[in-house]
Amino acid sequence: MTSQEQYCLTEDITRKCPECDADVSLSRGTRDAEIVTCPDCSFEMEVVFDPSTLNLGEVAKRVRKGESPYDVSKLDLTVSPTLVPAPQEDEDWGE
């Protein structure tokens, strides 16, 4: 993935608000770094796709079975998004 490309959800999912623990729906097409708002407490969050969340369990299973771990055609390489507090913008006092 180049620096120009972004991760994008391919299905609707739900995550928990880090502030109030309410369900926050993320719809298909939601992109990395998108700002979403909690429907319960109005807390603003940034959607972050972290490549370290790749599901590598399938790779381990294949190695245990003696299969090649390098055939990625059958692996689930889904990156799971998390919600973090949105970055705060600094005040611009016209300086």
N, C-alpha and C. Protein backbone atom coordinates (compact mmCIF):
# COMPACT_ATOMS: atom_id res chain seq x y z
N MET A 1 0.85 -1.17 0.00
CA MET A 1 0.00 0.00 0.00
C MET A 1 0.89 1.23 0.00
N THR A 2 0.66 2.14 -0.92
CA THR A 2 1.46 3.35 -0.98
C THR A 2 0.93 4.38 0.00
N SER A 3 1.72 5.42 0.21
CA SER A 3 1.30 6.46 1.14
C SER A 3 0.07 7.21 0.63
N GLN A 4 -0.22 7.11 -0.67
CA GLN A 4 -1.38 7.77 -1.24
C GLN A 4 -2.68 7.01 -0.96
N GLU A 5 -2.57 5.69 -0.74
CA GLU A 5 -3.74 4.86 -0.54
C GLU A 5 -4.16 4.88 0.93
N GLN A 6 -5.45 4.64 1.17
CA GLN A 6 -5.96 4.55 2.53
C GLN A 6 -6.76 3.27 2.69
N TYR A 7 -6.79 2.79 3.93
CA TYR A 7 -7.67 1.67 4.23
C TYR A 7 -9.11 2.17 4.20
N CYS A 8 -10.03 1.27 3.88
CA CYS A 8 -11.44 1.62 3.79
C CYS A 8 -12.26 0.40 4.19
N LEU A 9 -13.32 0.61 4.97
CA LEU A 9 -14.17 -0.50 5.38
C LEU A 9 -14.93 -1.08 4.20
N THR A 10 -15.02 -2.39 4.17
CA THR A 10 -15.76 -3.06 3.10
C THR A 10 -17.10 -3.59 3.58
N GLU A 11 -17.39 -3.39 4.87
CA GLU A 11 -18.68 -3.80 5.44
C GLU A 11 -18.99 -2.92 6.64
N ASP A 12 -20.26 -2.88 7.04
CA ASP A 12 -20.66 -2.13 8.23
C ASP A 12 -20.20 -2.87 9.47
N ILE A 13 -19.63 -2.13 10.44
CA ILE A 13 -19.20 -2.73 11.70
C ILE A 13 -19.55 -1.80 12.86
N THR A 14 -19.40 -2.29 14.08
CA THR A 14 -19.64 -1.50 15.28
C THR A 14 -18.41 -1.56 16.17
N ARG A 15 -18.04 -0.41 16.75
CA ARG A 15 -16.96 -0.32 17.72
C ARG A 15 -17.49 0.41 18.95
N LYS A 16 -16.76 0.35 20.04
CA LYS A 16 -17.16 1.01 21.29
C LYS A 16 -16.52 2.39 21.39
N CYS A 17 -17.30 3.34 21.89
CA CYS A 17 -16.79 4.69 22.15
C CYS A 17 -15.81 4.61 23.33
N PRO A 18 -14.59 5.16 23.19
CA PRO A 18 -13.63 5.09 24.29
C PRO A 18 -14.02 5.99 25.47
N GLU A 19 -14.96 6.88 25.27
CA GLU A 19 -15.37 7.80 26.33
C GLU A 19 -16.52 7.25 27.16
N CYS A 20 -17.59 6.73 26.50
CA CYS A 20 -18.78 6.31 27.25
C CYS A 20 -19.15 4.84 27.02
N ASP A 21 -18.41 4.13 26.19
CA ASP A 21 -18.60 2.71 25.90
C ASP A 21 -19.87 2.41 25.11
N ALA A 22 -20.45 3.42 24.47
CA ALA A 22 -21.63 3.21 23.62
C ALA A 22 -21.20 2.60 22.29
N ASP A 23 -22.11 1.94 21.61
CA ASP A 23 -21.84 1.41 20.28
C ASP A 23 -21.78 2.55 19.26
N VAL A 24 -20.74 2.53 18.44
CA VAL A 24 -20.58 3.51 17.37
C VAL A 24 -20.56 2.73 16.06
N SER A 25 -21.51 3.01 15.19
CA SER A 25 -21.60 2.32 13.91
C SER A 25 -20.67 2.96 12.90
N LEU A 26 -19.89 2.12 12.23
CA LEU A 26 -19.03 2.56 11.14
C LEU A 26 -19.55 1.91 9.88
N SER A 27 -19.90 2.71 8.90
CA SER A 27 -20.51 2.17 7.69
C SER A 27 -19.47 1.85 6.63
N ARG A 28 -19.87 0.99 5.73
CA ARG A 28 -19.03 0.61 4.60
C ARG A 28 -18.54 1.89 3.91
N GLY A 29 -17.26 1.94 3.60
CA GLY A 29 -16.70 3.12 2.96
C GLY A 29 -16.00 4.06 3.92
N THR A 30 -16.15 3.83 5.24
CA THR A 30 -15.44 4.66 6.21
C THR A 30 -13.95 4.50 5.99
N ARG A 31 -13.23 5.62 5.97
CA ARG A 31 -11.80 5.61 5.64
C ARG A 31 -10.92 5.87 6.86
N ASP A 32 -9.67 5.47 6.72
CA ASP A 32 -8.65 5.76 7.72
C ASP A 32 -8.58 7.27 7.96
N ALA A 33 -8.45 7.67 9.21
CA ALA A 33 -8.34 9.07 9.64
C ALA A 33 -9.65 9.85 9.56
N GLU A 34 -10.75 9.18 9.25
CA GLU A 34 -12.05 9.84 9.23
C GLU A 34 -12.48 10.14 10.67
N ILE A 35 -13.14 11.28 10.87
CA ILE A 35 -13.62 11.67 12.19
C ILE A 35 -15.09 11.25 12.31
N VAL A 36 -15.42 10.54 13.40
CA VAL A 36 -16.80 10.13 13.68
C VAL A 36 -17.18 10.64 15.06
N THR A 37 -18.48 10.75 15.29
CA THR A 37 -18.98 11.27 16.57
C THR A 37 -19.85 10.23 17.25
N CYS A 38 -19.66 10.06 18.54
CA CYS A 38 -20.47 9.11 19.31
C CYS A 38 -21.92 9.61 19.35
N PRO A 39 -22.88 8.73 19.06
CA PRO A 39 -24.29 9.14 19.07
C PRO A 39 -24.81 9.43 20.49
N ASP A 40 -24.14 8.91 21.52
CA ASP A 40 -24.61 9.11 22.89
C ASP A 40 -23.99 10.32 23.58
N CYS A 41 -22.66 10.46 23.50
CA CYS A 41 -21.98 11.53 24.27
C CYS A 41 -21.36 12.62 23.39
N SER A 42 -21.47 12.49 22.07
CA SER A 42 -20.94 13.46 21.10
C SER A 42 -19.42 13.57 21.11
N PHE A 43 -18.73 12.57 21.67
CA PHE A 43 -17.27 12.55 21.69
C PHE A 43 -16.78 12.32 20.27
N GLU A 44 -15.80 13.11 19.82
CA GLU A 44 -15.26 12.96 18.48
C GLU A 44 -14.07 12.00 18.49
N MET A 45 -14.09 11.07 17.53
CA MET A 45 -13.05 10.05 17.44
C MET A 45 -12.51 9.97 16.03
N GLU A 46 -11.28 9.52 15.93
CA GLU A 46 -10.65 9.28 14.64
C GLU A 46 -10.62 7.78 14.39
N VAL A 47 -10.98 7.37 13.19
CA VAL A 47 -10.91 5.96 12.80
C VAL A 47 -9.46 5.68 12.39
N VAL A 48 -8.85 4.68 13.05
CA VAL A 48 -7.46 4.34 12.78
C VAL A 48 -7.36 2.87 12.38
N PHE A 49 -6.83 2.64 11.19
CA PHE A 49 -6.59 1.27 10.73
C PHE A 49 -5.14 0.95 11.05
N ASP A 50 -4.93 0.00 11.95
CA ASP A 50 -3.60 -0.35 12.41
C ASP A 50 -3.18 -1.67 11.77
N PRO A 51 -2.19 -1.65 10.87
CA PRO A 51 -1.76 -2.90 10.21
C PRO A 51 -1.29 -3.97 11.18
N SER A 52 -0.96 -3.60 12.41
CA SER A 52 -0.52 -4.61 13.38
C SER A 52 -1.67 -5.49 13.85
N THR A 53 -2.91 -5.14 13.45
CA THR A 53 -4.07 -5.95 13.85
C THR A 53 -4.40 -7.03 12.83
N LEU A 54 -3.52 -7.25 11.86
CA LEU A 54 -3.77 -8.32 10.88
C LEU A 54 -4.00 -9.65 11.58
N ASN A 55 -4.93 -10.42 11.06
CA ASN A 55 -5.23 -11.74 11.62
C ASN A 55 -4.20 -12.74 11.11
N LEU A 56 -3.21 -13.03 11.93
CA LEU A 56 -2.15 -13.95 11.52
C LEU A 56 -2.37 -15.36 12.05
N GLY A 57 -3.51 -15.62 12.66
CA GLY A 57 -3.82 -16.95 13.18
C GLY A 57 -3.80 -18.00 12.09
N GLU A 58 -4.26 -17.65 10.90
CA GLU A 58 -4.28 -18.60 9.79
C GLU A 58 -2.87 -19.00 9.38
N VAL A 59 -1.93 -18.05 9.43
CA VAL A 59 -0.54 -18.36 9.09
C VAL A 59 -0.01 -19.41 10.05
N ALA A 60 -0.26 -19.22 11.35
CA ALA A 60 0.21 -20.17 12.36
C ALA A 60 -0.39 -21.56 12.14
N LYS A 61 -1.69 -21.62 11.81
CA LYS A 61 -2.34 -22.91 11.55
C LYS A 61 -1.68 -23.64 10.39
N ARG A 62 -1.37 -22.90 9.33
CA ARG A 62 -0.78 -23.52 8.15
C ARG A 62 0.61 -24.05 8.45
N VAL A 63 1.37 -23.31 9.24
CA VAL A 63 2.72 -23.77 9.60
C VAL A 63 2.63 -25.06 10.42
N ARG A 64 1.68 -25.11 11.36
CA ARG A 64 1.51 -26.31 12.18
C ARG A 64 1.13 -27.52 11.32
N LYS A 65 0.38 -27.29 10.25
CA LYS A 65 -0.03 -28.38 9.35
C LYS A 65 1.06 -28.74 8.35
N GLY A 66 2.16 -27.99 8.36
CA GLY A 66 3.24 -28.27 7.41
C GLY A 66 3.01 -27.64 6.05
N GLU A 67 2.03 -26.75 5.93
CA GLU A 67 1.75 -26.08 4.66
C GLU A 67 2.61 -24.83 4.54
N SER A 68 2.71 -24.32 3.35
CA SER A 68 3.49 -23.10 3.11
C SER A 68 2.77 -21.88 3.70
N PRO A 69 3.45 -21.13 4.57
CA PRO A 69 2.83 -19.92 5.11
C PRO A 69 2.85 -18.76 4.12
N TYR A 70 3.51 -18.96 2.97
CA TYR A 70 3.69 -17.86 2.02
C TYR A 70 2.61 -17.79 0.96
N ASP A 71 1.71 -18.78 0.90
CA ASP A 71 0.60 -18.74 -0.05
C ASP A 71 -0.50 -17.90 0.59
N VAL A 72 -0.50 -16.61 0.29
CA VAL A 72 -1.44 -15.69 0.95
C VAL A 72 -2.80 -15.64 0.25
N SER A 73 -2.97 -16.41 -0.81
CA SER A 73 -4.22 -16.33 -1.57
C SER A 73 -5.43 -16.75 -0.73
N LYS A 74 -5.22 -17.54 0.32
CA LYS A 74 -6.33 -18.02 1.12
C LYS A 74 -6.36 -17.42 2.53
N LEU A 75 -5.53 -16.41 2.77
CA LEU A 75 -5.46 -15.83 4.12
C LEU A 75 -6.39 -14.64 4.26
N ASP A 76 -6.90 -14.46 5.47
CA ASP A 76 -7.70 -13.28 5.80
C ASP A 76 -6.73 -12.20 6.25
N LEU A 77 -6.47 -11.24 5.39
CA LEU A 77 -5.54 -10.16 5.72
C LEU A 77 -6.29 -8.87 6.03
N THR A 78 -7.37 -9.00 6.78
CA THR A 78 -8.20 -7.87 7.14
C THR A 78 -7.53 -7.04 8.23
N VAL A 79 -7.51 -5.74 8.05
CA VAL A 79 -7.01 -4.83 9.07
C VAL A 79 -8.22 -4.27 9.80
N SER A 80 -8.23 -4.41 11.11
CA SER A 80 -9.37 -4.00 11.91
C SER A 80 -9.20 -2.56 12.43
N PRO A 81 -10.20 -1.70 12.23
CA PRO A 81 -10.07 -0.32 12.70
C PRO A 81 -10.34 -0.18 14.19
N THR A 82 -9.73 0.82 14.80
CA THR A 82 -10.00 1.18 16.19
C THR A 82 -10.41 2.65 16.21
N LEU A 83 -11.00 3.07 17.32
CA LEU A 83 -11.39 4.46 17.50
C LEU A 83 -10.52 5.08 18.57
N VAL A 84 -9.93 6.23 18.26
CA VAL A 84 -9.10 6.96 19.22
C VAL A 84 -9.62 8.39 19.29
N PRO A 85 -9.35 9.10 20.40
CA PRO A 85 -9.79 10.49 20.48
C PRO A 85 -9.29 11.29 19.28
N ALA A 86 -10.17 12.11 18.73
CA ALA A 86 -9.81 12.92 17.57
C ALA A 86 -8.76 13.95 17.96
N PRO A 87 -7.84 14.25 17.05
CA PRO A 87 -6.84 15.28 17.35
C PRO A 87 -7.53 16.63 17.54
N GLN A 88 -7.04 17.36 18.50
CA GLN A 88 -7.61 18.68 18.78
C GLN A 88 -6.89 19.73 17.94
N GLU A 89 -7.66 20.59 17.32
CA GLU A 89 -7.07 21.66 16.52
C GLU A 89 -6.69 22.81 17.44
N ASP A 90 -5.51 23.39 17.18
CA ASP A 90 -5.08 24.54 17.97
C ASP A 90 -5.91 25.76 17.59
N GLU A 91 -6.10 26.64 18.56
CA GLU A 91 -6.80 27.90 18.31
C GLU A 91 -5.97 28.77 17.39
N ASP A 92 -6.60 29.42 16.44
CA ASP A 92 -5.90 30.35 15.55
C ASP A 92 -6.32 31.75 15.95
N TRP A 93 -5.40 32.45 16.57
CA TRP A 93 -5.69 33.79 17.07
C TRP A 93 -5.26 34.86 16.07
N GLY A 94 -5.05 34.47 14.80
CA GLY A 94 -4.69 35.42 13.77
C GLY A 94 -3.24 35.88 13.87
N GLU A 95 -2.41 35.09 14.50
CA GLU A 95 -1.01 35.48 14.64
C GLU A 95 -0.17 34.95 13.51
